[in-house]
Amino acid sequence: MVGGSGHHATQAQLARGQRLQEVLKQSQYQPLSLEHQVVALFAATQGFADRVPVTQVKAFQAAALREMDTSHPELLADIATRKEITRETEAGLRKALETFGQSWQAPA
């Protein structure tokens, strides 16, 4: 059934787009650093927030960035210095976000 899978892909893209919109809504009082922006956009566009309810995306993003600051400062420093995600950094980023995503629980 070609039509069915196409519809599902569109739904998934729309859902990811909604999450991306939440990520892009930055607080004017707490703007994100370049490396935090890059990580937040990477997480949203690469599907790490797909299972997060749209209303919880901000909480997920904040917690993920705290986790990156605490456990993976070298990845953030590399992004800040190079102004890009290298292949090595991407591998570390994917692993860190995967691990974080498996343990994260939406606040009640």
PDB file of N, CA and C in Angstrom:
ATOM      1  N   MET A   1       0.819  -1.178   0.000  1.00  0.00           N
ATOM      2  CA  MET A   1       0.000   0.000   0.000  1.00  0.00           C
ATOM      3  C   MET A   1       0.870   1.251   0.000  1.00  0.00           C
ATOM      4  N   VAL A   2       1.096   1.784  -1.130  1.00  0.00           N
ATOM      5  CA  VAL A   2       1.956   2.958  -1.253  1.00  0.00           C
ATOM      6  C   VAL A   2       1.318   4.175  -0.595  1.00  0.00           C
ATOM      7  N   GLY A   3       0.036   4.400  -0.822  1.00  0.00           N
ATOM      8  CA  GLY A   3      -0.659   5.568  -0.278  1.00  0.00           C
ATOM      9  C   GLY A   3      -0.593   5.639   1.234  1.00  0.00           C
ATOM     10  N   GLY A   4      -0.735   4.497   1.890  1.00  0.00           N
ATOM     11  CA  GLY A   4      -0.728   4.462   3.350  1.00  0.00           C
ATOM     12  C   GLY A   4       0.594   4.903   3.931  1.00  0.00           C
ATOM     13  N   SER A   5       1.702   4.417   3.375  1.00  0.00           N
ATOM     14  CA  SER A   5       3.005   4.761   3.934  1.00  0.00           C
ATOM     15  C   SER A   5       3.348   6.220   3.651  1.00  0.00           C
ATOM     16  N   GLY A   6       2.899   6.733   2.520  1.00  0.00           N
ATOM     17  CA  GLY A   6       3.151   8.136   2.195  1.00  0.00           C
ATOM     18  C   GLY A   6       2.454   9.055   3.177  1.00  0.00           C
ATOM     19  N   HIS A   7       1.228   8.697   3.534  1.00  0.00           N
ATOM     20  CA  HIS A   7       0.462   9.483   4.496  1.00  0.00           C
ATOM     21  C   HIS A   7       1.171   9.483   5.848  1.00  0.00           C
ATOM     22  N   HIS A   8       1.674   8.307   6.240  1.00  0.00           N
ATOM     23  CA  HIS A   8       2.366   8.185   7.528  1.00  0.00           C
ATOM     24  C   HIS A   8       3.627   9.045   7.540  1.00  0.00           C
ATOM     25  N   ALA A   9       4.361   9.054   6.450  1.00  0.00           N
ATOM     26  CA  ALA A   9       5.585   9.860   6.368  1.00  0.00           C
ATOM     27  C   ALA A   9       5.246  11.339   6.518  1.00  0.00           C
ATOM     28  N   THR A  10       4.164  11.774   5.895  1.00  0.00           N
ATOM     29  CA  THR A  10       3.753  13.174   5.992  1.00  0.00           C
ATOM     30  C   THR A  10       3.372  13.518   7.431  1.00  0.00           C
ATOM     31  N   GLN A  11       2.643  12.628   8.086  1.00  0.00           N
ATOM     32  CA  GLN A  11       2.266  12.844   9.483  1.00  0.00           C
ATOM     33  C   GLN A  11       3.514  12.974  10.349  1.00  0.00           C
ATOM     34  N   ALA A  12       4.489  12.097  10.121  1.00  0.00           N
ATOM     35  CA  ALA A  12       5.729  12.114  10.896  1.00  0.00           C
ATOM     36  C   ALA A  12       6.491  13.412  10.649  1.00  0.00           C
ATOM     37  N   GLN A  13       6.521  13.871   9.397  1.00  0.00           N
ATOM     38  CA  GLN A  13       7.211  15.127   9.079  1.00  0.00           C
ATOM     39  C   GLN A  13       6.520  16.307   9.748  1.00  0.00           C
ATOM     40  N   LEU A  14       5.195  16.308   9.741  1.00  0.00           N
ATOM     41  CA  LEU A  14       4.445  17.384  10.390  1.00  0.00           C
ATOM     42  C   LEU A  14       4.699  17.381  11.893  1.00  0.00           C
ATOM     43  N   ALA A  15       4.691  16.204  12.479  1.00  0.00           N
ATOM     44  CA  ALA A  15       4.936  16.084  13.920  1.00  0.00           C
ATOM     45  C   ALA A  15       6.343  16.578  14.254  1.00  0.00           C
ATOM     46  N   ARG A  16       7.324  16.224  13.439  1.00  0.00           N
ATOM     47  CA  ARG A  16       8.696  16.674  13.674  1.00  0.00           C
ATOM     48  C   ARG A  16       8.777  18.186  13.489  1.00  0.00           C
ATOM     49  N   GLY A  17       8.051  18.708  12.529  1.00  0.00           N
ATOM     50  CA  GLY A  17       8.013  20.152  12.292  1.00  0.00           C
ATOM     51  C   GLY A  17       7.461  20.898  13.501  1.00  0.00           C
ATOM     52  N   GLN A  18       6.433  20.336  14.133  1.00  0.00           N
ATOM     53  CA  GLN A  18       5.862  20.960  15.337  1.00  0.00           C
ATOM     54  C   GLN A  18       6.909  21.019  16.446  1.00  0.00           C
ATOM     55  N   ARG A  19       7.667  19.955  16.598  1.00  0.00           N
ATOM     56  CA  ARG A  19       8.694  19.909  17.639  1.00  0.00           C
ATOM     57  C   ARG A  19       9.815  20.900  17.325  1.00  0.00           C
ATOM     58  N   LEU A  20      10.148  20.997  16.057  1.00  0.00           N
ATOM     59  CA  LEU A  20      11.182  21.936  15.629  1.00  0.00           C
ATOM     60  C   LEU A  20      10.751  23.371  15.928  1.00  0.00           C
ATOM     61  N   GLN A  21       9.478  23.671  15.701  1.00  0.00           N
ATOM     62  CA  GLN A  21       8.954  25.007  16.020  1.00  0.00           C
ATOM     63  C   GLN A  21       9.138  25.337  17.496  1.00  0.00           C
ATOM     64  N   GLU A  22       8.895  24.353  18.351  1.00  0.00           N
ATOM     65  CA  GLU A  22       9.074  24.564  19.789  1.00  0.00           C
ATOM     66  C   GLU A  22      10.532  24.862  20.109  1.00  0.00           C
ATOM     67  N   VAL A  23      11.433  24.131  19.477  1.00  0.00           N
ATOM     68  CA  VAL A  23      12.868  24.333  19.694  1.00  0.00           C
ATOM     69  C   VAL A  23      13.283  25.731  19.253  1.00  0.00           C
ATOM     70  N   LEU A  24      12.701  26.198  18.158  1.00  0.00           N
ATOM     71  CA  LEU A  24      13.084  27.495  17.601  1.00  0.00           C
ATOM     72  C   LEU A  24      12.516  28.678  18.395  1.00  0.00           C
ATOM     73  N   LYS A  25      11.539  28.420  19.254  1.00  0.00           N
ATOM     74  CA  LYS A  25      10.969  29.495  20.078  1.00  0.00           C
ATOM     75  C   LYS A  25      11.918  29.777  21.233  1.00  0.00           C
ATOM     76  N   GLN A  26      12.908  30.616  20.999  1.00  0.00           N
ATOM     77  CA  GLN A  26      13.867  30.928  22.048  1.00  0.00           C
ATOM     78  C   GLN A  26      13.347  32.044  22.931  1.00  0.00           C
ATOM     79  N   SER A  27      13.653  31.957  24.187  1.00  0.00           N
ATOM     80  CA  SER A  27      13.310  33.034  25.101  1.00  0.00           C
ATOM     81  C   SER A  27      14.235  34.208  24.835  1.00  0.00           C
ATOM     82  N   GLN A  28      13.665  35.399  24.729  1.00  0.00           N
ATOM     83  CA  GLN A  28      14.494  36.575  24.473  1.00  0.00           C
ATOM     84  C   GLN A  28      15.341  36.909  25.695  1.00  0.00           C
ATOM     85  N   TYR A  29      14.965  36.375  26.856  1.00  0.00           N
ATOM     86  CA  TYR A  29      15.712  36.652  28.080  1.00  0.00           C
ATOM     87  C   TYR A  29      16.797  35.614  28.345  1.00  0.00           C
ATOM     88  N   GLN A  30      16.695  34.480  27.701  1.00  0.00           N
ATOM     89  CA  GLN A  30      17.696  33.431  27.877  1.00  0.00           C
ATOM     90  C   GLN A  30      18.089  32.857  26.521  1.00  0.00           C
ATOM     91  N   PRO A  31      18.739  33.666  25.684  1.00  0.00           N
ATOM     92  CA  PRO A  31      19.125  33.135  24.373  1.00  0.00           C
ATOM     93  C   PRO A  31      20.154  32.010  24.535  1.00  0.00           C
ATOM     94  N   LEU A  32      20.060  31.028  23.659  1.00  0.00           N
ATOM     95  CA  LEU A  32      20.981  29.894  23.718  1.00  0.00           C
ATOM     96  C   LEU A  32      22.300  30.241  23.051  1.00  0.00           C
ATOM     97  N   SER A  33      23.365  29.653  23.559  1.00  0.00           N
ATOM     98  CA  SER A  33      24.671  29.785  22.919  1.00  0.00           C
ATOM     99  C   SER A  33      24.629  29.057  21.571  1.00  0.00           C
ATOM    100  N   LEU A  34      25.573  29.344  20.719  1.00  0.00           N
ATOM    101  CA  LEU A  34      25.640  28.689  19.405  1.00  0.00           C
ATOM    102  C   LEU A  34      25.654  27.171  19.552  1.00  0.00           C
ATOM    103  N   GLU A  35      26.515  26.663  20.427  1.00  0.00           N
ATOM    104  CA  GLU A  35      26.620  25.199  20.557  1.00  0.00           C
ATOM    105  C   GLU A  35      25.328  24.596  21.094  1.00  0.00           C
ATOM    106  N   HIS A  36      24.638  25.290  21.995  1.00  0.00           N
ATOM    107  CA  HIS A  36      23.347  24.785  22.477  1.00  0.00           C
ATOM    108  C   HIS A  36      22.303  24.825  21.364  1.00  0.00           C
ATOM    109  N   GLN A  37      22.303  25.875  20.556  1.00  0.00           N
ATOM    110  CA  GLN A  37      21.372  25.950  19.429  1.00  0.00           C
ATOM    111  C   GLN A  37      21.609  24.786  18.472  1.00  0.00           C
ATOM    112  N   VAL A  38      22.875  24.529  18.175  1.00  0.00           N
ATOM    113  CA  VAL A  38      23.228  23.453  17.241  1.00  0.00           C
ATOM    114  C   VAL A  38      22.748  22.104  17.777  1.00  0.00           C
ATOM    115  N   VAL A  39      23.008  21.835  19.061  1.00  0.00           N
ATOM    116  CA  VAL A  39      22.598  20.562  19.661  1.00  0.00           C
ATOM    117  C   VAL A  39      21.075  20.441  19.684  1.00  0.00           C
ATOM    118  N   ALA A  40      20.378  21.525  20.041  1.00  0.00           N
ATOM    119  CA  ALA A  40      18.912  21.497  20.099  1.00  0.00           C
ATOM    120  C   ALA A  40      18.319  21.224  18.720  1.00  0.00           C
ATOM    121  N   LEU A  41      18.844  21.887  17.703  1.00  0.00           N
ATOM    122  CA  LEU A  41      18.344  21.678  16.339  1.00  0.00           C
ATOM    123  C   LEU A  41      18.697  20.282  15.835  1.00  0.00           C
ATOM    124  N   PHE A  42      19.889  19.822  16.161  1.00  0.00           N
ATOM    125  CA  PHE A  42      20.313  18.477  15.761  1.00  0.00           C
ATOM    126  C   PHE A  42      19.364  17.437  16.369  1.00  0.00           C
ATOM    127  N   ALA A  43      19.083  17.579  17.663  1.00  0.00           N
ATOM    128  CA  ALA A  43      18.193  16.625  18.353  1.00  0.00           C
ATOM    129  C   ALA A  43      16.806  16.618  17.717  1.00  0.00           C
ATOM    130  N   ALA A  44      16.300  17.805  17.394  1.00  0.00           N
ATOM    131  CA  ALA A  44      14.951  17.901  16.820  1.00  0.00           C
ATOM    132  C   ALA A  44      14.892  17.381  15.394  1.00  0.00           C
ATOM    133  N   THR A  45      15.886  17.725  14.581  1.00  0.00           N
ATOM    134  CA  THR A  45      15.831  17.337  13.169  1.00  0.00           C
ATOM    135  C   THR A  45      16.238  15.881  12.947  1.00  0.00           C
ATOM    136  N   GLN A  46      16.992  15.314  13.879  1.00  0.00           N
ATOM    137  CA  GLN A  46      17.435  13.932  13.716  1.00  0.00           C
ATOM    138  C   GLN A  46      16.516  12.921  14.406  1.00  0.00           C
ATOM    139  N   GLY A  47      15.385  13.410  14.929  1.00  0.00           N
ATOM    140  CA  GLY A  47      14.373  12.491  15.452  1.00  0.00           C
ATOM    141  C   GLY A  47      14.485  12.145  16.918  1.00  0.00           C
ATOM    142  N   PHE A  48      15.428  12.753  17.635  1.00  0.00           N
ATOM    143  CA  PHE A  48      15.588  12.387  19.043  1.00  0.00           C
ATOM    144  C   PHE A  48      14.422  12.861  19.904  1.00  0.00           C
ATOM    145  N   ALA A  49      13.673  13.837  19.429  1.00  0.00           N
ATOM    146  CA  ALA A  49      12.524  14.342  20.191  1.00  0.00           C
ATOM    147  C   ALA A  49      11.196  13.825  19.637  1.00  0.00           C
ATOM    148  N   ASP A  50      11.237  12.922  18.676  1.00  0.00           N
ATOM    149  CA  ASP A  50      10.005  12.462  18.010  1.00  0.00           C
ATOM    150  C   ASP A  50       8.976  11.868  18.973  1.00  0.00           C
ATOM    151  N   ARG A  51       9.425  11.186  20.001  1.00  0.00           N
ATOM    152  CA  ARG A  51       8.471  10.551  20.921  1.00  0.00           C
ATOM    153  C   ARG A  51       8.086  11.468  22.082  1.00  0.00           C
ATOM    154  N   VAL A  52       8.664  12.670  22.101  1.00  0.00           N
ATOM    155  CA  VAL A  52       8.369  13.630  23.170  1.00  0.00           C
ATOM    156  C   VAL A  52       7.090  14.399  22.817  1.00  0.00           C
ATOM    157  N   PRO A  53       6.114  14.465  23.724  1.00  0.00           N
ATOM    158  CA  PRO A  53       4.911  15.255  23.432  1.00  0.00           C
ATOM    159  C   PRO A  53       5.315  16.705  23.136  1.00  0.00           C
ATOM    160  N   VAL A  54       4.648  17.332  22.185  1.00  0.00           N
ATOM    161  CA  VAL A  54       5.005  18.692  21.773  1.00  0.00           C
ATOM    162  C   VAL A  54       5.054  19.632  22.979  1.00  0.00           C
ATOM    163  N   THR A  55       4.120  19.458  23.916  1.00  0.00           N
ATOM    164  CA  THR A  55       4.080  20.333  25.091  1.00  0.00           C
ATOM    165  C   THR A  55       5.281  20.134  26.015  1.00  0.00           C
ATOM    166  N   GLN A  56       6.016  19.040  25.823  1.00  0.00           N
ATOM    167  CA  GLN A  56       7.166  18.735  26.679  1.00  0.00           C
ATOM    168  C   GLN A  56       8.506  18.983  25.982  1.00  0.00           C
ATOM    169  N   VAL A  57       8.470  19.451  24.743  1.00  0.00           N
ATOM    170  CA  VAL A  57       9.711  19.613  23.969  1.00  0.00           C
ATOM    171  C   VAL A  57      10.686  20.568  24.663  1.00  0.00           C
ATOM    172  N   LYS A  58      10.168  21.671  25.204  1.00  0.00           N
ATOM    173  CA  LYS A  58      11.036  22.634  25.884  1.00  0.00           C
ATOM    174  C   LYS A  58      11.722  21.993  27.095  1.00  0.00           C
ATOM    175  N   ALA A  59      10.971  21.221  27.860  1.00  0.00           N
ATOM    176  CA  ALA A  59      11.531  20.544  29.040  1.00  0.00           C
ATOM    177  C   ALA A  59      12.578  19.526  28.609  1.00  0.00           C
ATOM    178  N   PHE A  60      12.281  18.784  27.541  1.00  0.00           N
ATOM    179  CA  PHE A  60      13.221  17.802  27.008  1.00  0.00           C
ATOM    180  C   PHE A  60      14.509  18.495  26.564  1.00  0.00           C
ATOM    181  N   GLN A  61      14.348  19.600  25.834  1.00  0.00           N
ATOM    182  CA  GLN A  61      15.501  20.342  25.326  1.00  0.00           C
ATOM    183  C   GLN A  61      16.366  20.861  26.478  1.00  0.00           C
ATOM    184  N   ALA A  62      15.733  21.463  27.472  1.00  0.00           N
ATOM    185  CA  ALA A  62      16.484  22.012  28.610  1.00  0.00           C
ATOM    186  C   ALA A  62      17.248  20.919  29.336  1.00  0.00           C
ATOM    187  N   ALA A  63      16.593  19.784  29.556  1.00  0.00           N
ATOM    188  CA  ALA A  63      17.240  18.673  30.254  1.00  0.00           C
ATOM    189  C   ALA A  63      18.380  18.089  29.418  1.00  0.00           C
ATOM    190  N   ALA A  64      18.160  17.982  28.111  1.00  0.00           N
ATOM    191  CA  ALA A  64      19.206  17.443  27.229  1.00  0.00           C
ATOM    192  C   ALA A  64      20.429  18.362  27.226  1.00  0.00           C
ATOM    193  N   LEU A  65      20.202  19.663  27.198  1.00  0.00           N
ATOM    194  CA  LEU A  65      21.323  20.601  27.190  1.00  0.00           C
ATOM    195  C   LEU A  65      22.062  20.589  28.526  1.00  0.00           C
ATOM    196  N   ARG A  66      21.329  20.441  29.638  1.00  0.00           N
ATOM    197  CA  ARG A  66      21.989  20.309  30.953  1.00  0.00           C
ATOM    198  C   ARG A  66      22.853  19.053  30.972  1.00  0.00           C
ATOM    199  N   GLU A  67      22.321  17.975  30.416  1.00  0.00           N
ATOM    200  CA  GLU A  67      23.069  16.708  30.351  1.00  0.00           C
ATOM    201  C   GLU A  67      24.330  16.874  29.512  1.00  0.00           C
ATOM    202  N   MET A  68      24.218  17.580  28.391  1.00  0.00           N
ATOM    203  CA  MET A  68      25.390  17.817  27.532  1.00  0.00           C
ATOM    204  C   MET A  68      26.433  18.646  28.286  1.00  0.00           C
ATOM    205  N   ASP A  69      25.983  19.686  29.000  1.00  0.00           N
ATOM    206  CA  ASP A  69      26.901  20.538  29.776  1.00  0.00           C
ATOM    207  C   ASP A  69      27.648  19.718  30.822  1.00  0.00           C
ATOM    208  N   THR A  70      26.905  18.841  31.488  1.00  0.00           N
ATOM    209  CA  THR A  70      27.463  18.066  32.597  1.00  0.00           C
ATOM    210  C   THR A  70      28.345  16.912  32.131  1.00  0.00           C
ATOM    211  N   SER A  71      27.816  16.129  31.186  1.00  0.00           N
ATOM    212  CA  SER A  71      28.481  14.873  30.820  1.00  0.00           C
ATOM    213  C   SER A  71      29.294  14.916  29.533  1.00  0.00           C
ATOM    214  N   HIS A  72      29.037  15.911  28.671  1.00  0.00           N
ATOM    215  CA  HIS A  72      29.715  15.938  27.373  1.00  0.00           C
ATOM    216  C   HIS A  72      30.208  17.340  26.996  1.00  0.00           C
ATOM    217  N   PRO A  73      30.864  18.036  27.940  1.00  0.00           N
ATOM    218  CA  PRO A  73      31.301  19.407  27.635  1.00  0.00           C
ATOM    219  C   PRO A  73      32.281  19.462  26.470  1.00  0.00           C
ATOM    220  N   GLU A  74      32.999  18.370  26.246  1.00  0.00           N
ATOM    221  CA  GLU A  74      33.980  18.349  25.138  1.00  0.00           C
ATOM    222  C   GLU A  74      33.283  18.412  23.781  1.00  0.00           C
ATOM    223  N   LEU A  75      32.098  17.831  23.671  1.00  0.00           N
ATOM    224  CA  LEU A  75      31.345  17.905  22.414  1.00  0.00           C
ATOM    225  C   LEU A  75      30.889  19.334  22.165  1.00  0.00           C
ATOM    226  N   LEU A  76      30.389  19.990  23.216  1.00  0.00           N
ATOM    227  CA  LEU A  76      29.947  21.376  23.089  1.00  0.00           C
ATOM    228  C   LEU A  76      31.126  22.288  22.747  1.00  0.00           C
ATOM    229  N   ALA A  77      32.263  22.053  23.393  1.00  0.00           N
ATOM    230  CA  ALA A  77      33.456  22.870  23.138  1.00  0.00           C
ATOM    231  C   ALA A  77      33.910  22.708  21.690  1.00  0.00           C
ATOM    232  N   ASP A  78      33.830  21.495  21.175  1.00  0.00           N
ATOM    233  CA  ASP A  78      34.239  21.241  19.787  1.00  0.00           C
ATOM    234  C   ASP A  78      33.324  21.985  18.808  1.00  0.00           C
ATOM    235  N   ILE A  79      32.022  21.933  19.066  1.00  0.00           N
ATOM    236  CA  ILE A  79      31.058  22.632  18.201  1.00  0.00           C
ATOM    237  C   ILE A  79      31.300  24.144  18.280  1.00  0.00           C
ATOM    238  N   ALA A  80      31.531  24.652  19.499  1.00  0.00           N
ATOM    239  CA  ALA A  80      31.751  26.089  19.691  1.00  0.00           C
ATOM    240  C   ALA A  80      33.004  26.551  18.945  1.00  0.00           C
ATOM    241  N   THR A  81      34.049  25.733  18.991  1.00  0.00           N
ATOM    242  CA  THR A  81      35.320  26.087  18.363  1.00  0.00           C
ATOM    243  C   THR A  81      35.252  25.997  16.845  1.00  0.00           C
ATOM    244  N   ARG A  82      34.728  24.886  16.359  1.00  0.00           N
ATOM    245  CA  ARG A  82      34.727  24.631  14.908  1.00  0.00           C
ATOM    246  C   ARG A  82      33.552  25.263  14.173  1.00  0.00           C
ATOM    247  N   LYS A  83      32.482  25.611  14.909  1.00  0.00           N
ATOM    248  CA  LYS A  83      31.263  26.164  14.309  1.00  0.00           C
ATOM    249  C   LYS A  83      30.616  25.178  13.336  1.00  0.00           C
ATOM    250  N   GLU A  84      30.817  23.899  13.592  1.00  0.00           N
ATOM    251  CA  GLU A  84      30.197  22.845  12.774  1.00  0.00           C
ATOM    252  C   GLU A  84      30.211  21.553  13.571  1.00  0.00           C
ATOM    253  N   ILE A  85      29.486  20.574  13.073  1.00  0.00           N
ATOM    254  CA  ILE A  85      29.491  19.239  13.676  1.00  0.00           C
ATOM    255  C   ILE A  85      30.376  18.363  12.803  1.00  0.00           C
ATOM    256  N   THR A  86      31.513  17.969  13.335  1.00  0.00           N
ATOM    257  CA  THR A  86      32.398  17.070  12.589  1.00  0.00           C
ATOM    258  C   THR A  86      31.837  15.648  12.661  1.00  0.00           C
ATOM    259  N   ARG A  87      32.376  14.760  11.874  1.00  0.00           N
ATOM    260  CA  ARG A  87      31.911  13.363  11.875  1.00  0.00           C
ATOM    261  C   ARG A  87      32.104  12.742  13.261  1.00  0.00           C
ATOM    262  N   GLU A  88      33.239  13.041  13.887  1.00  0.00           N
ATOM    263  CA  GLU A  88      33.528  12.485  15.213  1.00  0.00           C
ATOM    264  C   GLU A  88      32.549  13.035  16.255  1.00  0.00           C
ATOM    265  N   THR A  89      32.319  14.332  16.188  1.00  0.00           N
ATOM    266  CA  THR A  89      31.395  14.963  17.137  1.00  0.00           C
ATOM    267  C   THR A  89      29.986  14.440  16.920  1.00  0.00           C
ATOM    268  N   GLU A  90      29.602  14.246  15.667  1.00  0.00           N
ATOM    269  CA  GLU A  90      28.259  13.741  15.381  1.00  0.00           C
ATOM    270  C   GLU A  90      28.050  12.373  16.004  1.00  0.00           C
ATOM    271  N   ALA A  91      29.036  11.513  15.914  1.00  0.00           N
ATOM    272  CA  ALA A  91      28.920  10.170  16.501  1.00  0.00           C
ATOM    273  C   ALA A  91      28.722  10.277  18.013  1.00  0.00           C
ATOM    274  N   GLY A  92      29.499  11.138  18.663  1.00  0.00           N
ATOM    275  CA  GLY A  92      29.375  11.329  20.110  1.00  0.00           C
ATOM    276  C   GLY A  92      28.036  11.928  20.485  1.00  0.00           C
ATOM    277  N   LEU A  93      27.597  12.875  19.666  1.00  0.00           N
ATOM    278  CA  LEU A  93      26.324  13.554  19.893  1.00  0.00           C
ATOM    279  C   LEU A  93      25.158  12.572  19.791  1.00  0.00           C
ATOM    280  N   ARG A  94      25.182  11.747  18.753  1.00  0.00           N
ATOM    281  CA  ARG A  94      24.119  10.746  18.571  1.00  0.00           C
ATOM    282  C   ARG A  94      24.063   9.792  19.761  1.00  0.00           C
ATOM    283  N   LYS A  95      25.232   9.323  20.191  1.00  0.00           N
ATOM    284  CA  LYS A  95      25.289   8.384  21.309  1.00  0.00           C
ATOM    285  C   LYS A  95      24.772   9.043  22.590  1.00  0.00           C
ATOM    286  N   ALA A  96      25.213  10.282  22.833  1.00  0.00           N
ATOM    287  CA  ALA A  96      24.795  10.999  24.042  1.00  0.00           C
ATOM    288  C   ALA A  96      23.289  11.246  24.041  1.00  0.00           C
ATOM    289  N   LEU A  97      22.747  11.672  22.911  1.00  0.00           N
ATOM    290  CA  LEU A  97      21.313  11.960  22.824  1.00  0.00           C
ATOM    291  C   LEU A  97      20.479  10.689  22.899  1.00  0.00           C
ATOM    292  N   GLU A  98      20.986   9.610  22.336  1.00  0.00           N
ATOM    293  CA  GLU A  98      20.278   8.326  22.416  1.00  0.00           C
ATOM    294  C   GLU A  98      20.167   7.880  23.868  1.00  0.00           C
ATOM    295  N   THR A  99      21.303   7.920  24.566  1.00  0.00           N
ATOM    296  CA  THR A  99      21.336   7.513  25.974  1.00  0.00           C
ATOM    297  C   THR A  99      20.427   8.401  26.806  1.00  0.00           C
ATOM    298  N   PHE A 100      20.518   9.706  26.588  1.00  0.00           N
ATOM    299  CA  PHE A 100      19.681  10.647  27.328  1.00  0.00           C
ATOM    300  C   PHE A 100      18.197  10.391  27.041  1.00  0.00           C
ATOM    301  N   GLY A 101      17.844  10.231  25.775  1.00  0.00           N
ATOM    302  CA  GLY A 101      16.454  10.030  25.366  1.00  0.00           C
ATOM    303  C   GLY A 101      15.836   8.789  25.976  1.00  0.00           C
ATOM    304  N   GLN A 102      16.652   7.747  26.189  1.00  0.00           N
ATOM    305  CA  GLN A 102      16.123   6.515  26.767  1.00  0.00           C
ATOM    306  C   GLN A 102      15.815   6.677  28.244  1.00  0.00           C
ATOM    307  N   SER A 103      16.549   7.554  28.923  1.00  0.00           N
ATOM    308  CA  SER A 103      16.352   7.710  30.367  1.00  0.00           C
ATOM    309  C   SER A 103      15.409   8.850  30.731  1.00  0.00           C
ATOM    310  N   TRP A 104      15.174   9.783  29.778  1.00  0.00           N
ATOM    311  CA  TRP A 104      14.367  10.967  30.101  1.00  0.00           C
ATOM    312  C   TRP A 104      12.903  10.623  30.299  1.00  0.00           C
ATOM    313  N   GLN A 105      12.346  11.199  31.326  1.00  0.00           N
ATOM    314  CA  GLN A 105      10.903  11.042  31.607  1.00  0.00           C
ATOM    315  C   GLN A 105      10.255  12.433  31.583  1.00  0.00           C
ATOM    316  N   ALA A 106       9.124  12.548  30.924  1.00  0.00           N
ATOM    317  CA  ALA A 106       8.405  13.824  30.897  1.00  0.00           C
ATOM    318  C   ALA A 106       7.968  14.171  32.323  1.00  0.00           C
ATOM    319  N   PRO A 107       8.108  15.452  32.700  1.00  0.00           N
ATOM    320  CA  PRO A 107       7.636  15.846  34.033  1.00  0.00           C
ATOM    321  C   PRO A 107       6.127  15.610  34.160  1.00  0.00           C
ATOM    322  N   ALA A 108       5.725  15.171  35.328  1.00  0.00           N
ATOM    323  CA  ALA A 108       4.294  14.860  35.547  1.00  0.00           C
ATOM    324  C   ALA A 108       3.458  16.118  35.600  1.00  0.00           C
TER     325      ALA A 108
END
